[in-house]
C-alpha atoms as a PDB file:
ATOM      1  CA  MET A   1       3.475 -22.001  -5.351  1.00  0.00           C
ATOM      2  CA  SER A   2       2.112 -19.086  -7.385  1.00  0.00           C
ATOM      3  CA  GLN A   3       4.413 -16.457  -8.811  1.00  0.00           C
ATOM      4  CA  ARG A   4       4.186 -12.789  -8.027  1.00  0.00           C
ATOM      5  CA  LEU A   5       2.667 -10.566 -10.709  1.00  0.00           C
ATOM      6  CA  ALA A   6       5.483  -8.571 -12.297  1.00  0.00           C
ATOM      7  CA  LEU A   7       4.358  -4.972 -12.645  1.00  0.00           C
ATOM      8  CA  PRO A   8       5.780  -3.055 -15.622  1.00  0.00           C
ATOM      9  CA  ASN A   9       8.062  -0.074 -14.984  1.00  0.00           C
ATOM     10  CA  ARG A  10       5.590   2.301 -16.671  1.00  0.00           C
ATOM     11  CA  ARG A  11       1.886   1.773 -16.192  1.00  0.00           C
ATOM     12  CA  ASN A  12      -1.385   3.662 -16.180  1.00  0.00           C
ATOM     13  CA  HIS A  13      -2.974   3.751 -12.776  1.00  0.00           C
ATOM     14  CA  VAL A  14      -5.460   5.522 -10.557  1.00  0.00           C
ATOM     15  CA  THR A  15      -4.659   6.197  -6.909  1.00  0.00           C
ATOM     16  CA  GLN A  16      -7.411   6.317  -4.290  1.00  0.00           C
ATOM     17  CA  LYS A  17      -6.654   8.192  -1.068  1.00  0.00           C
ATOM     18  CA  VAL A  18      -8.336   6.943   2.125  1.00  0.00           C
ATOM     19  CA  LEU A  19      -8.050   8.851   5.423  1.00  0.00           C
ATOM     20  CA  ILE A  20      -8.025   6.730   8.573  1.00  0.00           C
ATOM     21  CA  SER A  21      -8.809   8.640  11.787  1.00  0.00           C
ATOM     22  CA  ASP A  22      -6.770  11.735  10.767  1.00  0.00           C
ATOM     23  CA  GLN A  23      -3.566   9.886  11.720  1.00  0.00           C
ATOM     24  CA  CYS A  24      -2.994   7.595   8.731  1.00  0.00           C
ATOM     25  CA  THR A  25      -3.470   8.020   5.017  1.00  0.00           C
ATOM     26  CA  LEU A  26      -3.820   4.876   2.928  1.00  0.00           C
ATOM     27  CA  TYR A  27      -3.238   4.989  -0.822  1.00  0.00           C
ATOM     28  CA  LEU A  28      -4.592   2.201  -3.031  1.00  0.00           C
ATOM     29  CA  SER A  29      -3.110   2.053  -6.509  1.00  0.00           C
ATOM     30  CA  LEU A  30      -5.360   0.568  -9.206  1.00  0.00           C
ATOM     31  CA  HIS A  31      -3.713  -0.477 -12.453  1.00  0.00           C
ATOM     32  CA  ASN A  32      -4.913  -1.658 -15.851  1.00  0.00           C
ATOM     33  CA  ALA A  33      -6.658  -4.751 -14.458  1.00  0.00           C
ATOM     34  CA  HIS A  34      -8.923  -2.550 -12.265  1.00  0.00           C
ATOM     35  CA  GLN A  35      -7.863  -4.338  -9.121  1.00  0.00           C
ATOM     36  CA  PRO A  36      -5.622  -3.062  -6.317  1.00  0.00           C
ATOM     37  CA  THR A  37      -1.996  -4.045  -6.850  1.00  0.00           C
ATOM     38  CA  LYS A  38      -0.141  -1.667  -4.536  1.00  0.00           C
ATOM     39  CA  ILE A  39      -0.841  -0.176  -1.116  1.00  0.00           C
ATOM     40  CA  TYR A  40       1.003   2.760   0.447  1.00  0.00           C
ATOM     41  CA  LEU A  41       0.556   4.047   4.003  1.00  0.00           C
ATOM     42  CA  ARG A  42       1.523   7.469   5.332  1.00  0.00           C
ATOM     43  CA  GLN A  43       1.370   8.186   9.058  1.00  0.00           C
ATOM     44  CA  LYS A  44       1.565  11.378  11.051  1.00  0.00           C
ATOM     45  CA  GLY A  45       1.400  12.379  14.682  1.00  0.00           C
ATOM     46  CA  SER A  46       3.797  12.649  17.572  1.00  0.00           C
ATOM     47  CA  ASP A  47       2.436   9.489  19.221  1.00  0.00           C
ATOM     48  CA  ARG A  48       3.847   7.273  16.428  1.00  0.00           C
ATOM     49  CA  SER A  49       7.037   5.505  17.468  1.00  0.00           C
ATOM     50  CA  CYS A  50       9.618   4.210  14.998  1.00  0.00           C
ATOM     51  CA  GLU A  51       8.658   0.642  15.918  1.00  0.00           C
ATOM     52  CA  LEU A  52       4.965   1.261  15.200  1.00  0.00           C
ATOM     53  CA  ILE A  53       5.698   2.942  11.868  1.00  0.00           C
ATOM     54  CA  GLY A  54       7.982   0.035  10.947  1.00  0.00           C
ATOM     55  CA  LEU A  55       5.352  -2.532  11.941  1.00  0.00           C
ATOM     56  CA  PHE A  56       2.682  -0.847   9.816  1.00  0.00           C
ATOM     57  CA  GLY A  57       5.178  -0.635   6.956  1.00  0.00           C
ATOM     58  CA  VAL A  58       5.785  -4.389   7.081  1.00  0.00           C
ATOM     59  CA  ILE A  59       2.045  -5.145   7.201  1.00  0.00           C
ATOM     60  CA  VAL A  60       1.302  -2.875   4.223  1.00  0.00           C
ATOM     61  CA  ARG A  61       4.206  -4.343   2.229  1.00  0.00           C
ATOM     62  CA  LEU A  62       2.933  -7.876   2.868  1.00  0.00           C
ATOM     63  CA  MET A  63      -0.557  -6.817   1.771  1.00  0.00           C
ATOM     64  CA  SER A  64       0.868  -5.370  -1.457  1.00  0.00           C
ATOM     65  CA  LEU A  65       2.777  -8.563  -2.169  1.00  0.00           C
ATOM     66  CA  ALA A  66      -0.347 -10.647  -1.506  1.00  0.00           C
ATOM     67  CA  LEU A  67      -2.338  -8.528  -3.975  1.00  0.00           C
ATOM     68  CA  GLN A  68       0.264  -9.187  -6.667  1.00  0.00           C
ATOM     69  CA  GLN A  69      -0.264 -12.975  -6.568  1.00  0.00           C
END
């Protein structure tokens, strides 16, 4: 079993903003290794339920953890 990459508390990074169909904004955070290590998702719109926002939050969190392997 591989261990998760421990990210330092302070780090240099570049954040890339990606718009997805004017309803979601995806942020990819690139750190010193020039590879994505964090993903953030922001959603907007009245058609987004709490369950859908929570589901997307879990998916994005799992993707971030997978990138840190």
